[in-house]
Protein backbone atom coordinates (compact mmCIF):
# COMPACT_ATOMS: atom_id res chain seq x y z
CA MET A 1 -9.03 23.59 62.53
CA LEU A 2 -7.49 24.15 59.10
CA PRO A 3 -4.09 22.65 58.43
CA ARG A 4 -1.17 25.15 58.72
CA ILE A 5 0.28 26.38 55.42
CA PRO A 6 3.94 25.50 55.09
CA SER A 7 6.42 28.35 55.36
CA ILE A 8 7.36 28.20 51.69
CA TYR A 9 3.73 28.78 50.64
CA ARG A 10 3.45 31.75 52.96
CA GLY A 11 6.57 33.21 51.36
CA ILE A 12 5.16 32.76 47.86
CA LEU A 13 1.87 34.48 48.80
CA THR A 14 3.76 37.38 50.40
CA LEU A 15 5.87 37.84 47.26
CA VAL A 16 2.79 37.80 45.03
CA GLY A 17 1.09 40.42 47.23
CA ILE A 18 4.12 42.75 47.07
CA THR A 19 4.28 42.35 43.26
CA LEU A 20 0.61 43.27 42.88
CA LEU A 21 1.04 46.31 45.13
CA LEU A 22 4.04 47.56 43.11
CA PHE A 23 2.13 47.05 39.84
CA MET A 24 -0.83 49.08 41.12
CA LEU A 25 1.46 51.93 42.22
CA LEU A 26 3.19 51.94 38.82
CA MET A 27 -0.12 52.11 36.97
CA GLN A 28 -1.28 54.97 39.20
CA GLY A 29 1.87 56.97 38.40
CA ASN A 30 1.31 56.54 34.67
CA ARG A 31 -2.28 57.70 34.65
CA PRO A 32 -2.81 60.52 32.11
CA ASP A 33 -4.05 62.95 34.75
CA THR A 34 -0.97 62.35 36.89
CA VAL A 35 1.32 62.90 33.91
CA ARG A 36 -0.54 66.05 32.92
CA LEU A 37 -0.26 67.36 36.49
CA ARG A 38 3.51 66.89 36.47
CA ARG A 39 3.79 68.59 33.05
CA LEU A 40 1.79 71.51 34.38
CA GLN A 41 4.14 71.74 37.38
CA ILE A 42 7.14 71.84 35.02
CA GLN A 43 5.45 74.44 32.85
CA ASN A 44 4.72 76.62 35.87
CA GLU A 45 8.37 76.42 36.90
CA VAL A 46 9.37 77.64 33.43
CA MET A 47 6.86 80.50 33.63
CA GLY A 48 8.19 81.63 36.98
CA ARG A 49 10.73 84.05 35.45
CA VAL A 50 8.15 86.32 33.81
CA GLN A 51 5.53 88.63 35.25
CA ILE A 52 2.57 86.48 36.16
CA PRO A 53 -0.50 88.07 37.75
CA ASP A 54 -0.85 87.40 41.46
CA GLU A 55 -3.91 85.73 42.93
CA SER A 56 -5.65 88.98 43.86
CA GLY A 57 -8.48 89.82 41.49
CA MET A 58 -8.15 86.45 39.75
CA GLU A 59 -11.64 85.10 40.42
CA LYS A 60 -13.08 83.79 37.18
CA SER A 61 -16.62 82.92 36.24
CA THR A 62 -17.52 79.31 35.54
CA ALA A 63 -18.39 80.22 31.96
CA ASN A 64 -14.98 81.83 31.43
CA ILE A 65 -13.17 78.78 32.76
CA ARG A 66 -15.20 76.53 30.45
CA THR A 67 -14.34 78.77 27.48
CA THR A 68 -10.63 78.62 28.28
CA HIS A 69 -10.68 74.84 28.76
CA ARG A 70 -12.54 74.40 25.47
CA THR A 71 -10.07 76.68 23.67
CA ILE A 72 -7.08 74.70 24.94
CA LYS A 73 -8.67 71.43 23.82
CA GLU A 74 -9.57 72.87 20.42
CA THR A 75 -6.05 74.17 19.90
CA ILE A 76 -4.48 70.84 20.84
CA ARG A 77 -6.91 68.87 18.66
CA HIS A 78 -6.72 71.08 15.54
CA GLN A 79 -2.98 71.70 15.60
CA ASN A 80 -1.75 68.27 16.74
CA ILE A 81 0.23 69.79 19.59
CA ASP A 82 2.65 67.48 21.39
CA THR A 83 2.18 68.44 25.06
CA ARG A 84 5.16 66.43 26.26
CA ASN A 85 7.84 69.03 25.52
CA ILE A 86 6.02 72.34 26.07
CA VAL A 87 8.27 74.96 27.67
CA ASN A 88 6.14 78.09 27.13
CA PRO A 89 2.47 77.28 27.79
CA HIS A 90 0.01 80.07 27.11
CA ASN A 91 -2.85 79.05 29.39
CA PHE A 92 -4.36 82.41 30.35
CA SER A 93 -8.14 82.62 30.40
CA TYR A 94 -10.14 85.09 28.32
CA LEU A 95 -11.65 88.12 29.98
CA LYS A 96 -13.16 89.26 26.67
CA ASN A 97 -13.48 87.04 23.65
CA PRO A 98 -15.45 88.08 20.53
CA VAL A 99 -15.72 84.56 19.20
CA ASN A 100 -18.14 85.34 16.36
CA ILE A 101 -16.30 88.15 14.58
CA CYS A 102 -15.09 85.87 11.79
CA SER A 103 -17.60 83.03 11.94
CA GLY A 104 -19.36 82.02 8.75
CA LYS A 105 -18.21 85.01 6.75
CA ASP A 106 -16.12 85.61 3.64
CA ILE A 107 -13.26 87.61 5.17
CA TYR A 108 -10.11 88.60 3.35
CA MET A 109 -8.04 89.97 6.23
CA ILE A 110 -8.14 90.08 10.02
CA THR A 111 -6.33 92.99 11.66
CA TYR A 112 -5.19 92.78 15.27
CA ILE A 113 -3.85 95.78 17.12
CA HIS A 114 -1.61 95.70 20.17
CA THR A 115 -3.03 98.12 22.68
CA SER A 116 -3.13 98.81 26.40
CA PRO A 117 -6.42 98.94 28.34
CA LYS A 118 -5.88 102.63 29.16
CA ASN A 119 -5.41 103.69 25.51
CA PHE A 120 -9.08 104.52 24.84
CA HIS A 121 -8.35 107.56 22.68
CA LYS A 122 -5.92 105.67 20.46
CA ARG A 123 -8.44 102.91 19.81
CA GLN A 124 -11.17 105.44 19.09
CA THR A 125 -8.89 107.28 16.65
CA ILE A 126 -8.32 104.05 14.73
CA ARG A 127 -12.05 103.26 14.70
CA SER A 128 -12.66 106.75 13.27
CA THR A 129 -10.02 106.56 10.52
CA TRP A 130 -8.43 103.59 8.81
CA GLY A 131 -10.11 101.04 11.12
CA ASP A 132 -13.64 102.32 10.55
CA LYS A 133 -16.00 99.34 10.49
CA ARG A 134 -18.00 100.57 7.48
CA LEU A 135 -14.83 101.04 5.45
CA LEU A 136 -13.30 97.70 6.41
CA GLU A 137 -16.47 95.82 5.49
CA GLN A 138 -16.00 96.94 1.88
CA TYR A 139 -12.60 95.24 1.91
CA LYS A 140 -13.88 92.14 3.75
CA THR A 141 -11.67 93.00 6.68
CA LYS A 142 -12.28 92.69 10.43
CA ILE A 143 -10.44 94.28 13.33
CA VAL A 144 -9.77 93.40 16.99
CA PHE A 145 -7.77 95.05 19.77
CA VAL A 146 -5.60 92.69 21.83
CA MET A 147 -4.59 93.40 25.41
CA GLY A 148 -3.99 92.04 28.90
CA ARG A 149 -5.44 93.26 32.18
CA VAL A 150 -4.50 96.09 34.54
CA ASP A 151 -5.10 96.45 38.27
CA ASP A 152 -6.94 99.76 37.84
CA THR A 153 -10.63 99.15 38.53
CA LYS A 154 -11.73 102.38 36.83
CA VAL A 155 -9.90 101.47 33.62
CA MET A 156 -11.29 97.94 33.62
CA ASN A 157 -14.84 99.19 34.21
CA LYS A 158 -14.52 101.72 31.40
CA LEU A 159 -13.23 98.93 29.18
CA GLU A 160 -16.39 96.93 29.90
CA LEU A 161 -18.52 99.78 28.53
CA GLU A 162 -16.26 100.15 25.48
CA ASN A 163 -16.44 96.47 24.66
CA ALA A 164 -20.22 96.37 25.19
CA HIS A 165 -20.51 99.04 22.50
CA TYR A 166 -17.95 97.84 19.94
CA GLY A 167 -17.43 94.14 20.73
CA ASP A 168 -13.93 94.14 19.20
CA ILE A 169 -11.66 93.53 22.21
CA VAL A 170 -9.66 90.35 22.85
CA GLN A 171 -8.41 90.40 26.44
CA GLU A 172 -6.54 87.70 28.31
CA ASP A 173 -5.85 87.50 32.01
CA PHE A 174 -2.15 88.36 32.04
CA LEU A 175 -0.70 91.57 33.43
CA ASP A 176 -0.50 94.12 30.61
CA SER A 177 3.06 95.45 30.90
CA TYR A 178 6.05 96.19 28.71
CA LYS A 179 7.87 93.00 29.69
CA ASN A 180 4.74 90.98 28.88
CA LEU A 181 4.29 92.17 25.28
CA THR A 182 5.32 88.72 24.08
CA PHE A 183 2.26 87.31 25.85
CA LYS A 184 0.15 89.79 23.86
CA GLY A 185 1.65 88.62 20.59
CA ILE A 186 1.08 84.97 21.44
CA ALA A 187 -2.46 85.76 22.56
CA ALA A 188 -3.24 87.21 19.13
CA LEU A 189 -1.78 84.22 17.28
CA LYS A 190 -3.74 81.85 19.48
CA TRP A 191 -7.02 83.74 19.08
CA ILE A 192 -6.76 83.95 15.29
CA SER A 193 -5.81 80.26 15.11
CA ASN A 194 -9.00 79.32 16.97
CA TYR A 195 -11.52 81.95 15.91
CA CYS A 196 -10.41 83.65 12.69
CA ASN A 197 -8.37 81.18 10.66
CA ASN A 198 -10.70 81.45 7.66
CA THR A 199 -9.04 84.65 6.42
CA VAL A 200 -6.35 85.00 3.76
CA PHE A 201 -4.12 87.54 5.46
CA THR A 202 -3.47 88.80 8.98
CA LEU A 203 -2.32 92.36 9.67
CA LYS A 204 -0.71 93.29 12.98
CA THR A 205 -0.17 96.89 14.06
CA ASP A 206 0.47 98.91 17.19
CA ASP A 207 -2.11 101.49 18.26
CA ASP A 208 0.07 104.42 17.15
CA ILE A 209 0.25 103.25 13.53
CA LEU A 210 -1.71 104.71 10.63
CA VAL A 211 -2.35 102.29 7.76
CA ASN A 212 -3.18 103.26 4.20
CA ILE A 213 -5.69 100.44 4.02
CA PHE A 214 -6.56 101.27 0.40
CA LYS A 215 -2.97 100.86 -0.74
CA LEU A 216 -2.33 97.81 1.46
CA VAL A 217 -5.26 95.71 0.20
CA LYS A 218 -4.51 96.69 -3.38
CA HIS A 219 -0.87 95.67 -2.91
CA LEU A 220 -1.84 92.30 -1.41
CA LYS A 221 -4.32 91.49 -4.15
CA GLU A 222 -2.37 92.71 -7.16
CA ILE A 223 1.27 92.17 -6.17
CA VAL A 224 1.70 89.79 -3.24
CA GLU A 225 -0.83 87.15 -4.30
CA PHE A 226 0.41 87.23 -7.88
CA GLN A 227 4.14 87.04 -7.03
CA LEU A 228 4.25 85.19 -3.70
CA GLY A 229 0.92 83.44 -3.26
CA ARG A 230 -1.14 83.12 -0.09
CA LYS A 231 0.94 80.79 2.09
CA ASN A 232 4.09 80.89 4.24
CA LEU A 233 4.37 84.68 4.19
CA ILE A 234 5.55 87.33 6.62
CA LEU A 235 5.89 90.78 5.05
CA CYS A 236 7.50 93.53 7.08
CA ASN A 237 10.08 96.21 7.71
CA GLN A 238 12.97 93.82 8.23
CA TRP A 239 15.83 94.58 10.60
CA LEU A 240 19.26 93.13 9.74
CA ARG A 241 22.08 92.96 12.29
CA MET A 242 20.20 94.94 14.91
CA ALA A 243 22.57 95.49 17.83
CA VAL A 244 21.65 94.11 21.24
CA LEU A 245 21.74 96.93 23.80
CA ARG A 246 23.99 96.30 26.79
CA ASP A 247 23.50 99.71 28.44
CA LYS A 248 21.97 99.01 31.85
CA ASN A 249 20.26 102.39 31.82
CA SER A 250 18.37 101.61 28.62
CA LYS A 251 14.75 100.51 28.55
CA TRP A 252 15.85 97.81 26.09
CA TYR A 253 18.85 96.56 28.09
CA ILE A 254 19.43 92.84 27.59
CA PRO A 255 22.03 91.08 29.77
CA LYS A 256 24.34 88.49 28.29
CA GLU A 257 22.74 85.72 30.31
CA ASP A 258 19.39 86.41 28.61
CA PHE A 259 20.77 86.71 25.08
CA SER A 260 24.49 86.15 24.44
CA PRO A 261 24.98 87.29 20.78
CA ASP A 262 25.73 90.96 20.18
CA TYR A 263 23.41 91.13 17.15
CA PHE A 264 19.93 89.80 16.58
CA PRO A 265 19.25 87.50 13.64
CA PRO A 266 16.85 89.02 11.07
CA TYR A 267 13.45 89.99 12.42
CA CYS A 268 10.68 92.55 11.80
CA SER A 269 9.68 95.87 13.21
CA GLY A 270 6.72 95.08 15.41
CA SER A 271 5.01 98.33 14.46
CA ALA A 272 3.19 96.59 11.61
CA PHE A 273 3.56 93.39 9.61
CA VAL A 274 1.44 91.12 7.43
CA LEU A 275 1.14 87.34 7.75
CA SER A 276 -0.58 84.87 5.52
CA THR A 277 -3.12 83.53 8.00
CA ASP A 278 -1.87 79.95 7.68
CA MET A 279 1.18 81.21 9.60
CA THR A 280 -0.74 82.08 12.76
CA SER A 281 -1.45 78.52 13.90
CA ARG A 282 2.04 77.37 12.99
CA MET A 283 3.64 80.27 14.86
CA TYR A 284 1.42 79.74 17.90
CA ASN A 285 2.31 76.06 17.91
CA ALA A 286 6.00 76.98 17.67
CA SER A 287 5.68 79.37 20.63
CA LEU A 288 4.84 76.45 22.91
CA TYR A 289 8.30 74.99 22.32
CA GLU A 290 10.33 78.20 22.32
CA LYS A 291 11.44 79.61 25.66
CA PHE A 292 9.75 82.90 26.61
CA PHE A 293 11.76 86.01 25.66
CA TRP A 294 10.44 89.45 26.57
CA VAL A 295 11.59 91.26 23.39
CA ASP A 296 8.34 90.62 21.56
CA ASP A 297 9.33 91.89 18.09
CA TYR A 298 12.24 89.46 17.94
CA TYR A 299 10.34 86.59 19.57
CA ILE A 300 7.24 86.82 17.37
CA THR A 301 8.82 87.76 14.02
CA GLY A 302 12.30 86.27 14.44
CA ILE A 303 12.29 83.20 16.66
CA LEU A 304 8.89 81.79 15.66
CA PRO A 305 9.28 82.08 11.85
CA SER A 306 12.78 80.61 12.18
CA HIS A 307 11.30 77.68 14.13
CA ILE A 308 8.98 76.84 11.22
CA LYS A 309 11.66 77.69 8.62
CA VAL A 310 9.95 80.71 7.06
CA LYS A 311 11.97 83.82 6.13
CA GLN A 312 10.68 87.39 6.27
CA LYS A 313 9.92 89.21 3.01
CA ARG A 314 11.17 92.80 2.98
CA LEU A 315 8.61 95.56 2.60
CA ASN A 316 10.80 98.32 4.03
CA GLU A 317 9.95 100.90 1.36
CA ALA A 318 6.34 100.97 2.62
CA TYR A 319 7.22 102.23 6.11
CA ILE A 320 7.85 105.60 7.74
CA LEU A 321 8.66 105.01 11.41
CA ASN A 322 10.19 108.42 12.24
CA GLY A 323 7.31 110.31 13.82
CA ARG A 324 9.02 113.68 13.45
CA VAL A 325 8.95 113.58 9.65
CA VAL A 326 6.02 111.30 9.00
CA TYR A 327 3.59 113.97 7.71
CA ASP A 328 6.12 115.47 5.32
CA LYS A 329 7.01 112.02 4.01
CA LEU A 330 3.37 111.37 3.19
CA VAL A 331 3.00 114.72 1.46
CA ASN A 332 6.06 114.00 -0.69
CA ASP A 333 5.16 110.37 -1.42
CA THR A 334 4.93 110.92 -5.18
CA LYS A 335 5.38 107.19 -5.88
CA ASN A 336 2.43 106.32 -3.65
CA GLN A 337 4.29 103.44 -2.06
CA LEU A 338 3.88 104.23 1.66
CA MET A 339 1.46 102.10 3.65
CA PHE A 340 2.51 102.21 7.33
CA PHE A 341 3.16 105.36 9.35
CA HIS A 342 4.24 105.71 12.96
CA VAL A 343 2.28 108.76 14.17
CA PRO A 344 2.77 109.73 17.84
CA LYS A 345 0.17 112.57 17.81
CA LEU A 346 -3.51 111.75 17.36
CA ASN A 347 -4.29 115.04 15.61
CA THR A 348 -1.66 114.25 13.00
CA ILE A 349 -3.36 110.92 12.29
CA PHE A 350 -6.59 112.71 11.36
CA SER A 351 -4.72 115.18 9.12
CA MET A 352 -2.85 112.41 7.36
CA TRP A 353 -6.01 110.33 6.93
CA ARG A 354 -7.76 113.24 5.22
CA LEU A 355 -4.81 113.56 2.84
CA ILE A 356 -4.87 109.84 2.04
CA LYS A 357 -8.60 110.02 1.24
CA GLN A 358 -8.12 113.08 -0.97
CA ARG A 359 -5.51 111.24 -3.01
CA LEU A 360 -7.82 108.26 -3.28
CA LYS A 361 -10.54 110.46 -4.75
CA MET A 362 -8.10 111.92 -7.27
CA HIS A 363 -6.81 108.56 -8.48
CA ILE A 364 -9.66 106.16 -7.81
CA GLN A 365 -10.39 105.36 -11.47
CA GLU A 366 -6.72 104.72 -12.17
CA GLU A 367 -5.78 102.99 -8.93
CA PHE A 368 -8.74 100.81 -7.93
CA THR A 369 -9.79 98.53 -10.75
CA TRP A 370 -10.54 95.45 -8.63
CA SER A 371 -13.80 94.69 -6.82
CA PRO A 372 -15.12 96.00 -4.50
CA VAL A 373 -14.48 99.64 -5.39
CA VAL A 374 -14.66 102.13 -2.56
CA SER A 375 -16.86 105.10 -3.31
CA PRO A 376 -15.02 108.43 -3.17
CA ASP A 377 -17.84 109.66 -0.97
CA THR A 378 -17.41 106.98 1.68
CA VAL A 379 -17.54 108.68 5.09
CA VAL A 380 -14.85 107.47 7.49
C-alpha cells in the first residue's frame, strides 16, 4: 500500500490542475477560427438592417463556394485588409463571374454598367451602340454588366442564356432592389479590384446612359492624362449642397436617424463617372469600414473617396441628364463637349448614336490624331 500524500500536496496538485484547465480554455478562445467566427457574428448583426436574401433559393454549387472563398482570400491578401474592424462585409458569392475578361491583355479602360436582371432590352441596346464589342476593342476597352439576383425563375433562366452568349455579366447573390444599389456598387469595385485591375481607367454608367465613347477616350488621353495623370482620380458630374429629402412620401426620403445633416457633402451623379483604376481597390477596402448606407451615389462617390482623402474632379459640362431635352442638346452641341446623356427611350438612343457617328465621320481627320484611329466605316 502506497503511503498517503499529505493534505498540502493534494492541495498543490489540485491548484496546478485548475491552472492548466484555465490555460487550455483561454487558448481555445483565442484560436483564429474562434475569433473569425465571432467577427462574422458581429458582421452579420451589422448587416441585419439591410435587405439580405432569405434562405430560399440559396443553394450554391461547390465550385461557386470555392470561387467566393478564393476571392475573399485574394482580396484580403492583395489589399492588406484588417479584418478586425470590418463593419460592412461584402461576402456575397458569385452567380456569374467572367474572370478572364481582362486577363493577360493590354486594356485601357473597363466599363461597368449598373443594370437589373430584367433589363434585357437596355443591355442589348448598349451592346448595339456605344458598348459594341468590336468598337470597344479598337479603344482597348472591355465592358461588364453588374447586377444582383431576382426571385423570378423565368428572368433568371433567360439571363443564363444571355450570359452564355455574351459572357459579360457579373452577378452576385444579393437581392437586386433599389435599397440594395450600394451592394451593386461595392460588387463592381470588388470585382475590378480582383479581376480587372490592370486597366488605366474605370467607367461606371447606368443602363439608361448613352456615352460618346469616341469623345470620352480622346478626352482621357489628351486632357486628363496630360493635366491630372492616371492616379487618384474621380471625374464626374459633381453635386454640391444637395438637399436631403425629408418628405415621407418621396422615394428618396431619408429620416434624420439615418442621416442627420440637411445637405449632403459633395458627391457625384451616379449616372456616369470615371475612376482611375487604382481607386477601385482603395474604395472597396474603404467600404469594409464604412457603415452601409442605401443612397448608393453618395456612399460610393462621396463617403468612400472621402475615406481615402480623394476629392472629385468636376466634369459637369460633359453631362446632359434631362431626358426631355437630351436629343436637342446633342444636336446643338456645337462645342462638341458632351459625353454622357441620360436617355429614357431606347429609340432615342439609336437616333442619337447615329448622329454621333455622323459627326465622327465629318471630323475624324481633325479630331482623332492618336492611335488607334477608328475607321469611319466601322459598323456598330
